[in-house]
PDB file of N, CA and C in Angstrom:
ATOM      1  N   MET A   1     -19.353   2.500   9.313  1.00  0.00           N
ATOM      2  CA  MET A   1     -19.045   1.038   9.627  1.00  0.00           C
ATOM      3  C   MET A   1     -17.893   1.189  10.814  1.00  0.00           C
ATOM      4  N   PRO A   2     -18.189   0.150  12.060  1.00  0.00           N
ATOM      5  CA  PRO A   2     -17.241   0.366  12.747  1.00  0.00           C
ATOM      6  C   PRO A   2     -15.783  -0.070  12.603  1.00  0.00           C
ATOM      7  N   GLY A   3     -14.916   0.776  13.299  1.00  0.00           N
ATOM      8  CA  GLY A   3     -13.485   0.434  12.878  1.00  0.00           C
ATOM      9  C   GLY A   3     -12.994   1.400  11.837  1.00  0.00           C
ATOM     10  N   VAL A   4     -13.783   1.900  11.099  1.00  0.00           N
ATOM     11  CA  VAL A   4     -12.948   2.646   9.573  1.00  0.00           C
ATOM     12  C   VAL A   4     -12.371   3.809  10.226  1.00  0.00           C
ATOM     13  N   ALA A   5     -12.647   4.494  11.290  1.00  0.00           N
ATOM     14  CA  ALA A   5     -11.685   5.868  11.643  1.00  0.00           C
ATOM     15  C   ALA A   5     -10.390   5.314  12.144  1.00  0.00           C
ATOM     16  N   PRO A   6     -10.099   4.394  12.995  1.00  0.00           N
ATOM     17  CA  PRO A   6      -9.007   4.163  13.427  1.00  0.00           C
ATOM     18  C   PRO A   6      -8.039   3.436  12.377  1.00  0.00           C
ATOM     19  N   TYR A   7      -8.714   2.716  11.423  1.00  0.00           N
ATOM     20  CA  TYR A   7      -8.178   1.955  10.536  1.00  0.00           C
ATOM     21  C   TYR A   7      -7.366   3.213   9.605  1.00  0.00           C
ATOM     22  N   SER A   8      -8.374   4.024   9.244  1.00  0.00           N
ATOM     23  CA  SER A   8      -7.933   5.123   8.178  1.00  0.00           C
ATOM     24  C   SER A   8      -6.809   5.876   8.809  1.00  0.00           C
ATOM     25  N   ALA A   9      -7.192   6.153  10.228  1.00  0.00           N
ATOM     26  CA  ALA A   9      -5.881   7.041  10.751  1.00  0.00           C
ATOM     27  C   ALA A   9      -4.749   6.323  10.813  1.00  0.00           C
ATOM     28  N   CYS A  10      -4.590   5.008  11.142  1.00  0.00           N
ATOM     29  CA  CYS A  10      -3.486   4.304  11.063  1.00  0.00           C
ATOM     30  C   CYS A  10      -2.884   4.335   9.603  1.00  0.00           C
ATOM     31  N   LYS A  11      -3.498   4.006   8.963  1.00  0.00           N
ATOM     32  CA  LYS A  11      -2.956   4.046   7.287  1.00  0.00           C
ATOM     33  C   LYS A  11      -2.598   5.249   6.885  1.00  0.00           C
ATOM     34  N   GLY A  12      -3.211   6.295   7.162  1.00  0.00           N
ATOM     35  CA  GLY A  12      -2.678   7.616   7.116  1.00  0.00           C
ATOM     36  C   GLY A  12      -1.252   8.098   7.512  1.00  0.00           C
ATOM     37  N   PHE A  13      -1.278   7.481   8.993  1.00  0.00           N
ATOM     38  CA  PHE A  13      -0.142   7.769   9.760  1.00  0.00           C
ATOM     39  C   PHE A  13       1.084   7.021   9.045  1.00  0.00           C
ATOM     40  N   ILE A  14       0.889   5.835   8.474  1.00  0.00           N
ATOM     41  CA  ILE A  14       1.837   4.833   7.952  1.00  0.00           C
ATOM     42  C   ILE A  14       2.397   5.538   6.512  1.00  0.00           C
ATOM     43  N   ILE A  15       1.522   6.128   5.746  1.00  0.00           N
ATOM     44  CA  ILE A  15       1.810   6.936   4.409  1.00  0.00           C
ATOM     45  C   ILE A  15       2.618   8.275   4.854  1.00  0.00           C
ATOM     46  N   LEU A  16       2.415   9.078   5.972  1.00  0.00           N
ATOM     47  CA  LEU A  16       2.937  10.226   6.263  1.00  0.00           C
ATOM     48  C   LEU A  16       4.256   9.877   6.743  1.00  0.00           C
ATOM     49  N   LEU A  17       4.409   8.776   7.624  1.00  0.00           N
ATOM     50  CA  LEU A  17       5.741   8.570   8.355  1.00  0.00           C
ATOM     51  C   LEU A  17       6.748   7.993   7.058  1.00  0.00           C
ATOM     52  N   THR A  18       6.238   7.220   6.107  1.00  0.00           N
ATOM     53  CA  THR A  18       7.167   6.960   5.029  1.00  0.00           C
ATOM     54  C   THR A  18       7.694   8.336   4.387  1.00  0.00           C
ATOM     55  N   THR A  19       6.681   9.078   3.974  1.00  0.00           N
ATOM     56  CA  THR A  19       7.208  10.498   3.404  1.00  0.00           C
ATOM     57  C   THR A  19       8.125  11.311   4.395  1.00  0.00           C
ATOM     58  N   VAL A  20       7.967  11.225   5.561  1.00  0.00           N
ATOM     59  CA  VAL A  20       8.798  12.075   6.419  1.00  0.00           C
ATOM     60  C   VAL A  20      10.395  11.277   6.670  1.00  0.00           C
ATOM     61  N   VAL A  21      10.166   9.850   6.624  1.00  0.00           N
ATOM     62  CA  VAL A  21      11.407   9.082   6.687  1.00  0.00           C
ATOM     63  C   VAL A  21      12.304   9.405   5.481  1.00  0.00           C
ATOM     64  N   ALA A  22      11.498   9.369   4.347  1.00  0.00           N
ATOM     65  CA  ALA A  22      12.468   9.703   3.091  1.00  0.00           C
ATOM     66  C   ALA A  22      12.802  11.108   3.067  1.00  0.00           C
ATOM     67  N   ARG A  23      12.241  12.039   3.219  1.00  0.00           N
ATOM     68  CA  ARG A  23      12.795  13.223   3.285  1.00  0.00           C
ATOM     69  C   ARG A  23      14.059  13.340   4.364  1.00  0.00           C
ATOM     70  N   GLU A  24      13.711  13.169   5.419  1.00  0.00           N
ATOM     71  CA  GLU A  24      14.873  13.393   6.372  1.00  0.00           C
ATOM     72  C   GLU A  24      16.160  12.376   6.000  1.00  0.00           C
ATOM     73  N   MET A  25      15.826  11.333   5.297  1.00  0.00           N
ATOM     74  CA  MET A  25      17.139  10.564   4.782  1.00  0.00           C
ATOM     75  C   MET A  25      17.830  11.295   3.641  1.00  0.00           C
ATOM     76  N   ALA A  26      16.862  11.967   2.794  1.00  0.00           N
ATOM     77  CA  ALA A  26      17.358  12.915   1.694  1.00  0.00           C
ATOM     78  C   ALA A  26      17.935  13.967   2.168  1.00  0.00           C
ATOM     79  N   VAL A  27      17.678  14.804   3.151  1.00  0.00           N
ATOM     80  CA  VAL A  27      18.258  15.812   3.744  1.00  0.00           C
ATOM     81  C   VAL A  27      19.691  15.445   4.279  1.00  0.00           C
ATOM     82  N   ALA A  28      19.582  14.065   4.906  1.00  0.00           N
ATOM     83  CA  ALA A  28      20.935  13.926   5.545  1.00  0.00           C
ATOM     84  C   ALA A  28      21.975  13.293   4.563  1.00  0.00           C
ATOM     85  N   GLY A  29      21.530  13.151   3.691  1.00  0.00           N
ATOM     86  CA  GLY A  29      22.392  12.295   2.515  1.00  0.00           C
ATOM     87  C   GLY A  29      22.333  10.840   2.784  1.00  0.00           C
ATOM     88  N   SER A  30      21.503  10.384   3.240  1.00  0.00           N
ATOM     89  CA  SER A  30      21.531   8.970   3.534  1.00  0.00           C
ATOM     90  C   SER A  30      20.891   8.118   2.423  1.00  0.00           C
ATOM     91  N   ARG A  31      21.581   6.971   1.899  1.00  0.00           N
ATOM     92  CA  ARG A  31      20.831   6.204   0.900  1.00  0.00           C
ATOM     93  C   ARG A  31      19.819   5.332   1.616  1.00  0.00           C
ATOM     94  N   VAL A  32      18.764   5.821   2.235  1.00  0.00           N
ATOM     95  CA  VAL A  32      17.807   4.819   2.534  1.00  0.00           C
ATOM     96  C   VAL A  32      16.377   4.991   1.883  1.00  0.00           C
ATOM     97  N   ASP A  33      15.862   3.878   1.442  1.00  0.00           N
ATOM     98  CA  ASP A  33      14.874   3.995   0.700  1.00  0.00           C
ATOM     99  C   ASP A  33      13.426   3.746   1.630  1.00  0.00           C
ATOM    100  N   SER A  34      12.433   4.255   1.599  1.00  0.00           N
ATOM    101  CA  SER A  34      11.360   4.206   2.322  1.00  0.00           C
ATOM    102  C   SER A  34      10.211   4.034   1.230  1.00  0.00           C
ATOM    103  N   LEU A  35       9.358   2.950   1.669  1.00  0.00           N
ATOM    104  CA  LEU A  35       8.257   2.677   0.697  1.00  0.00           C
ATOM    105  C   LEU A  35       7.013   2.247   1.550  1.00  0.00           C
ATOM    106  N   ALA A  36       5.871   2.653   1.321  1.00  0.00           N
ATOM    107  CA  ALA A  36       4.759   2.188   2.090  1.00  0.00           C
ATOM    108  C   ALA A  36       4.155   1.204   1.154  1.00  0.00           C
ATOM    109  N   ILE A  37       3.686   0.117   1.641  1.00  0.00           N
ATOM    110  CA  ILE A  37       3.054  -0.997   1.011  1.00  0.00           C
ATOM    111  C   ILE A  37       1.613  -0.846   1.249  1.00  0.00           C
ATOM    112  N   ILE A  38       0.613  -0.377   0.192  1.00  0.00           N
ATOM    113  CA  ILE A  38      -0.668  -0.021   0.332  1.00  0.00           C
ATOM    114  C   ILE A  38      -1.656  -1.241  -0.003  1.00  0.00           C
ATOM    115  N   PRO A  39      -1.914  -2.067   1.144  1.00  0.00           N
ATOM    116  CA  PRO A  39      -2.854  -3.344   0.689  1.00  0.00           C
ATOM    117  C   PRO A  39      -4.187  -3.086   0.683  1.00  0.00           C
ATOM    118  N   GLY A  40      -4.840  -3.999   0.175  1.00  0.00           N
ATOM    119  CA  GLY A  40      -6.219  -4.044   0.192  1.00  0.00           C
ATOM    120  C   GLY A  40      -6.795  -5.393   0.369  1.00  0.00           C
ATOM    121  N   ASP A  41      -7.892  -5.997   0.015  1.00  0.00           N
ATOM    122  CA  ASP A  41      -8.368  -7.248   0.436  1.00  0.00           C
ATOM    123  C   ASP A  41      -7.664  -8.241  -0.106  1.00  0.00           C
ATOM    124  N   VAL A  42      -7.181  -9.142   0.771  1.00  0.00           N
ATOM    125  CA  VAL A  42      -6.409 -10.401   0.496  1.00  0.00           C
ATOM    126  C   VAL A  42      -7.140 -11.615   0.950  1.00  0.00           C
ATOM    127  N   ARG A  43      -7.410 -12.631   0.126  1.00  0.00           N
ATOM    128  CA  ARG A  43      -8.140 -13.794   0.612  1.00  0.00           C
ATOM    129  C   ARG A  43      -7.287 -14.784   1.347  1.00  0.00           C
ATOM    130  N   THR A  44      -7.363 -14.844   2.719  1.00  0.00           N
ATOM    131  CA  THR A  44      -6.887 -16.041   3.473  1.00  0.00           C
ATOM    132  C   THR A  44      -7.764 -16.841   4.050  1.00  0.00           C
ATOM    133  N   ARG A  45      -7.221 -17.633   4.767  1.00  0.00           N
ATOM    134  CA  ARG A  45      -8.114 -18.867   5.583  1.00  0.00           C
ATOM    135  C   ARG A  45      -9.202 -18.025   6.411  1.00  0.00           C
ATOM    136  N   SER A  46      -8.704 -17.018   7.105  1.00  0.00           N
ATOM    137  CA  SER A  46      -9.307 -16.393   8.080  1.00  0.00           C
ATOM    138  C   SER A  46      -9.994 -14.956   7.442  1.00  0.00           C
ATOM    139  N   ASN A  47      -9.748 -14.647   6.350  1.00  0.00           N
ATOM    140  CA  ASN A  47     -10.273 -13.537   5.501  1.00  0.00           C
ATOM    141  C   ASN A  47     -10.725 -13.982   4.163  1.00  0.00           C
ATOM    142  N   SER A  48     -12.252 -14.624   4.276  1.00  0.00           N
ATOM    143  CA  SER A  48     -12.590 -14.958   2.820  1.00  0.00           C
ATOM    144  C   SER A  48     -14.035 -14.631   2.708  1.00  0.00           C
ATOM    145  N   ILE A  49     -14.547 -13.853   3.708  1.00  0.00           N
ATOM    146  CA  ILE A  49     -16.141 -13.612   3.382  1.00  0.00           C
ATOM    147  C   ILE A  49     -16.158 -11.995   3.130  1.00  0.00           C
ATOM    148  N   GLY A  50     -16.875 -11.746   1.853  1.00  0.00           N
ATOM    149  CA  GLY A  50     -17.295 -10.307   1.824  1.00  0.00           C
ATOM    150  C   GLY A  50     -16.132  -9.554   0.999  1.00  0.00           C
ATOM    151  N   LEU A  51     -15.209 -10.445   0.299  1.00  0.00           N
ATOM    152  CA  LEU A  51     -14.146  -9.851  -0.371  1.00  0.00           C
ATOM    153  C   LEU A  51     -14.618  -9.140  -1.667  1.00  0.00           C
ATOM    154  N   THR A  52     -13.665  -8.102  -2.102  1.00  0.00           N
ATOM    155  CA  THR A  52     -14.067  -7.608  -3.315  1.00  0.00           C
ATOM    156  C   THR A  52     -13.885  -8.594  -4.433  1.00  0.00           C
ATOM    157  N   PRO A  53     -14.692  -8.864  -5.246  1.00  0.00           N
ATOM    158  CA  PRO A  53     -14.481 -10.080  -6.574  1.00  0.00           C
ATOM    159  C   PRO A  53     -12.986  -9.692  -7.074  1.00  0.00           C
ATOM    160  N   GLY A  54     -12.039 -10.737  -7.298  1.00  0.00           N
ATOM    161  CA  GLY A  54     -10.852 -10.593  -7.935  1.00  0.00           C
ATOM    162  C   GLY A  54      -9.701 -10.408  -7.069  1.00  0.00           C
ATOM    163  N   SER A  55     -10.394 -10.490  -5.525  1.00  0.00           N
ATOM    164  CA  SER A  55      -9.174 -10.150  -4.564  1.00  0.00           C
ATOM    165  C   SER A  55      -8.100 -11.379  -4.524  1.00  0.00           C
ATOM    166  N   PRO A  56      -6.892 -10.902  -4.365  1.00  0.00           N
ATOM    167  CA  PRO A  56      -5.818 -12.312  -4.562  1.00  0.00           C
ATOM    168  C   PRO A  56      -5.815 -12.882  -3.505  1.00  0.00           C
ATOM    169  N   ASP A  57      -5.117 -14.220  -3.544  1.00  0.00           N
ATOM    170  CA  ASP A  57      -4.824 -14.881  -2.390  1.00  0.00           C
ATOM    171  C   ASP A  57      -3.393 -14.427  -1.732  1.00  0.00           C
ATOM    172  N   ALA A  58      -3.053 -15.000  -0.673  1.00  0.00           N
ATOM    173  CA  ALA A  58      -1.895 -14.436  -0.220  1.00  0.00           C
ATOM    174  C   ALA A  58      -0.566 -14.613  -0.892  1.00  0.00           C
ATOM    175  N   ARG A  59      -0.341 -15.898  -1.810  1.00  0.00           N
ATOM    176  CA  ARG A  59       0.551 -15.962  -2.473  1.00  0.00           C
ATOM    177  C   ARG A  59       0.701 -15.067  -3.777  1.00  0.00           C
ATOM    178  N   GLN A  60      -0.589 -14.788  -4.292  1.00  0.00           N
ATOM    179  CA  GLN A  60      -0.650 -13.853  -5.652  1.00  0.00           C
ATOM    180  C   GLN A  60      -0.283 -12.481  -4.981  1.00  0.00           C
ATOM    181  N   TYR A  61      -0.846 -12.036  -4.040  1.00  0.00           N
ATOM    182  CA  TYR A  61      -0.384 -10.739  -3.498  1.00  0.00           C
ATOM    183  C   TYR A  61       1.013 -10.442  -3.111  1.00  0.00           C
ATOM    184  N   ALA A  62       1.721 -11.485  -2.506  1.00  0.00           N
ATOM    185  CA  ALA A  62       3.250 -11.572  -1.984  1.00  0.00           C
ATOM    186  C   ALA A  62       4.009 -11.656  -3.230  1.00  0.00           C
ATOM    187  N   LYS A  63       3.603 -12.147  -4.389  1.00  0.00           N
ATOM    188  CA  LYS A  63       4.175 -12.266  -5.748  1.00  0.00           C
ATOM    189  C   LYS A  63       4.116 -10.966  -6.213  1.00  0.00           C
ATOM    190  N   GLY A  64       3.083 -10.266  -6.299  1.00  0.00           N
ATOM    191  CA  GLY A  64       2.820  -8.892  -6.538  1.00  0.00           C
ATOM    192  C   GLY A  64       3.565  -7.853  -5.955  1.00  0.00           C
ATOM    193  N   MET A  65       3.771  -7.962  -4.574  1.00  0.00           N
ATOM    194  CA  MET A  65       4.577  -6.909  -3.780  1.00  0.00           C
ATOM    195  C   MET A  65       6.104  -7.229  -4.432  1.00  0.00           C
ATOM    196  N   LEU A  66       6.539  -8.436  -4.229  1.00  0.00           N
ATOM    197  CA  LEU A  66       7.783  -8.633  -4.524  1.00  0.00           C
ATOM    198  C   LEU A  66       8.277  -8.261  -6.166  1.00  0.00           C
ATOM    199  N   ASP A  67       7.363  -8.476  -6.959  1.00  0.00           N
ATOM    200  CA  ASP A  67       7.533  -7.778  -8.535  1.00  0.00           C
ATOM    201  C   ASP A  67       7.702  -6.314  -8.530  1.00  0.00           C
ATOM    202  N   ARG A  68       6.581  -5.609  -7.847  1.00  0.00           N
ATOM    203  CA  ARG A  68       6.420  -4.376  -7.989  1.00  0.00           C
ATOM    204  C   ARG A  68       7.343  -3.368  -7.094  1.00  0.00           C
ATOM    205  N   ALA A  69       7.764  -3.783  -5.878  1.00  0.00           N
ATOM    206  CA  ALA A  69       8.262  -3.139  -4.918  1.00  0.00           C
ATOM    207  C   ALA A  69       9.847  -2.531  -5.347  1.00  0.00           C
ATOM    208  N   PRO A  70      10.476  -3.558  -5.870  1.00  0.00           N
ATOM    209  CA  PRO A  70      11.766  -2.865  -6.466  1.00  0.00           C
ATOM    210  C   PRO A  70      11.634  -1.974  -7.454  1.00  0.00           C
ATOM    211  N   ARG A  71      10.795  -2.184  -8.280  1.00  0.00           N
ATOM    212  CA  ARG A  71      10.574  -0.886  -9.346  1.00  0.00           C
ATOM    213  C   ARG A  71      10.201   0.332  -8.860  1.00  0.00           C
ATOM    214  N   ALA A  72       9.129   0.097  -7.791  1.00  0.00           N
ATOM    215  CA  ALA A  72       8.451   1.458  -7.016  1.00  0.00           C
ATOM    216  C   ALA A  72       9.729   2.217  -6.382  1.00  0.00           C
ATOM    217  N   VAL A  73      10.605   1.455  -5.932  1.00  0.00           N
ATOM    218  CA  VAL A  73      11.876   2.007  -5.053  1.00  0.00           C
ATOM    219  C   VAL A  73      12.643   2.839  -6.451  1.00  0.00           C
ATOM    220  N   GLU A  74      12.940   1.794  -7.340  1.00  0.00           N
ATOM    221  CA  GLU A  74      13.784   2.419  -8.366  1.00  0.00           C
ATOM    222  C   GLU A  74      13.211   3.781  -8.946  1.00  0.00           C
ATOM    223  N   ARG A  75      12.029   3.958  -8.823  1.00  0.00           N
ATOM    224  CA  ARG A  75      11.366   5.339  -9.517  1.00  0.00           C
ATOM    225  C   ARG A  75      11.025   6.220  -8.542  1.00  0.00           C
ATOM    226  N   GLY A  76      11.653   6.161  -7.095  1.00  0.00           N
ATOM    227  CA  GLY A  76      11.468   6.978  -6.298  1.00  0.00           C
ATOM    228  C   GLY A  76      10.037   7.140  -5.752  1.00  0.00           C
ATOM    229  N   TRP A  77       9.117   6.180  -6.067  1.00  0.00           N
ATOM    230  CA  TRP A  77       7.933   6.435  -5.199  1.00  0.00           C
ATOM    231  C   TRP A  77       7.812   5.904  -4.014  1.00  0.00           C
ATOM    232  N   LEU A  78       6.995   6.493  -3.057  1.00  0.00           N
ATOM    233  CA  LEU A  78       7.077   6.496  -1.892  1.00  0.00           C
ATOM    234  C   LEU A  78       5.787   5.436  -1.103  1.00  0.00           C
ATOM    235  N   GLU A  79       4.984   5.112  -2.391  1.00  0.00           N
ATOM    236  CA  GLU A  79       3.695   4.101  -1.950  1.00  0.00           C
ATOM    237  C   GLU A  79       3.813   3.019  -3.174  1.00  0.00           C
ATOM    238  N   CYS A  80       3.604   1.856  -2.755  1.00  0.00           N
ATOM    239  CA  CYS A  80       3.197   0.963  -3.793  1.00  0.00           C
ATOM    240  C   CYS A  80       1.901   0.198  -3.372  1.00  0.00           C
ATOM    241  N   LYS A  81       1.208  -0.164  -4.498  1.00  0.00           N
ATOM    242  CA  LYS A  81      -0.078  -0.848  -4.414  1.00  0.00           C
ATOM    243  C   LYS A  81       0.195  -1.929  -5.111  1.00  0.00           C
ATOM    244  N   PRO A  82       0.440  -3.329  -4.457  1.00  0.00           N
ATOM    245  CA  PRO A  82       1.035  -4.413  -5.335  1.00  0.00           C
ATOM    246  C   PRO A  82      -0.056  -5.028  -6.240  1.00  0.00           C
ATOM    247  N   TRP A  83      -1.265  -4.938  -5.926  1.00  0.00           N
ATOM    248  CA  TRP A  83      -2.308  -5.523  -6.641  1.00  0.00           C
ATOM    249  C   TRP A  83      -2.955  -4.928  -7.710  1.00  0.00           C
ATOM    250  N   TRP A  84      -3.217  -4.950  -8.982  1.00  0.00           N
ATOM    251  CA  TRP A  84      -3.614  -3.984  -9.953  1.00  0.00           C
ATOM    252  C   TRP A  84      -5.209  -3.730  -9.760  1.00  0.00           C
ATOM    253  N   LEU A  85      -6.177  -4.325  -8.859  1.00  0.00           N
ATOM    254  CA  LEU A  85      -7.326  -4.007  -8.799  1.00  0.00           C
ATOM    255  C   LEU A  85      -7.309  -3.132  -7.506  1.00  0.00           C
ATOM    256  N   HIS A  86      -6.366  -3.279  -6.667  1.00  0.00           N
ATOM    257  CA  HIS A  86      -6.471  -2.426  -5.470  1.00  0.00           C
ATOM    258  C   HIS A  86      -5.993  -0.977  -5.905  1.00  0.00           C
ATOM    259  N   ALA A  87      -5.083  -1.076  -6.819  1.00  0.00           N
ATOM    260  CA  ALA A  87      -4.489   0.304  -7.238  1.00  0.00           C
ATOM    261  C   ALA A  87      -5.600   0.868  -8.131  1.00  0.00           C
ATOM    262  N   ARG A  88      -6.563   0.464  -8.854  1.00  0.00           N
ATOM    263  CA  ARG A  88      -7.388   0.860  -9.743  1.00  0.00           C
ATOM    264  C   ARG A  88      -8.624   1.370  -8.736  1.00  0.00           C
ATOM    265  N   SER A  89      -8.929   0.669  -7.639  1.00  0.00           N
ATOM    266  CA  SER A  89     -10.128   1.159  -6.620  1.00  0.00           C
ATOM    267  C   SER A  89      -9.490   2.148  -5.955  1.00  0.00           C
ATOM    268  N   ILE A  90      -8.455   2.144  -5.413  1.00  0.00           N
ATOM    269  CA  ILE A  90      -8.004   3.251  -4.619  1.00  0.00           C
ATOM    270  C   ILE A  90      -7.911   4.558  -5.363  1.00  0.00           C
ATOM    271  N   GLY A  91      -7.382   4.105  -6.787  1.00  0.00           N
ATOM    272  CA  GLY A  91      -7.054   5.575  -7.769  1.00  0.00           C
ATOM    273  C   GLY A  91      -8.790   6.018  -8.194  1.00  0.00           C
ATOM    274  N   THR A  92      -9.634   5.204  -8.079  1.00  0.00           N
ATOM    275  CA  THR A  92     -10.867   5.618  -8.389  1.00  0.00           C
ATOM    276  C   THR A  92     -11.534   6.281  -7.295  1.00  0.00           C
ATOM    277  N   LEU A  93     -11.282   5.902  -5.761  1.00  0.00           N
ATOM    278  CA  LEU A  93     -11.803   6.663  -4.717  1.00  0.00           C
ATOM    279  C   LEU A  93     -11.123   7.931  -4.478  1.00  0.00           C
ATOM    280  N   GLU A  94      -9.683   7.951  -4.930  1.00  0.00           N
ATOM    281  CA  GLU A  94      -9.034   9.193  -4.743  1.00  0.00           C
ATOM    282  C   GLU A  94      -9.576  10.418  -5.496  1.00  0.00           C
ATOM    283  N   THR A  95     -10.360  10.251  -6.601  1.00  0.00           N
ATOM    284  CA  THR A  95     -11.229  11.095  -7.520  1.00  0.00           C
ATOM    285  C   THR A  95     -12.416  11.883  -7.243  1.00  0.00           C
ATOM    286  N   LEU A  96     -12.832  10.977  -6.103  1.00  0.00           N
ATOM    287  CA  LEU A  96     -14.239  11.427  -5.513  1.00  0.00           C
ATOM    288  C   LEU A  96     -14.081  12.533  -4.531  1.00  0.00           C
ATOM    289  N   PRO A  97     -14.947  13.393  -4.670  1.00  0.00           N
ATOM    290  CA  PRO A  97     -14.934  14.766  -3.387  1.00  0.00           C
ATOM    291  C   PRO A  97     -15.049  14.237  -2.102  1.00  0.00           C
TER     292      PRO A  97
END
């Protein structure tokens, strides 16, 4: 599928940058929280064809992010998957060889 390599590379970079910033801030004794929001399909006016069934619309996704991000930071997580279906899909993919 065209474009998957650069998309995946950028996503990997963002996750790695989040981790590095969190570690550097911890070593420096700074109280800076770092959290990567891991998105998935979101239904919008310009993105509505070929989406995974159960994909949220923009309002649902934003609400999920605002609900989950503070808890993720409190728990010290560096990544947050705001929509339950995205978290399940990504979790399944991470178990594959």
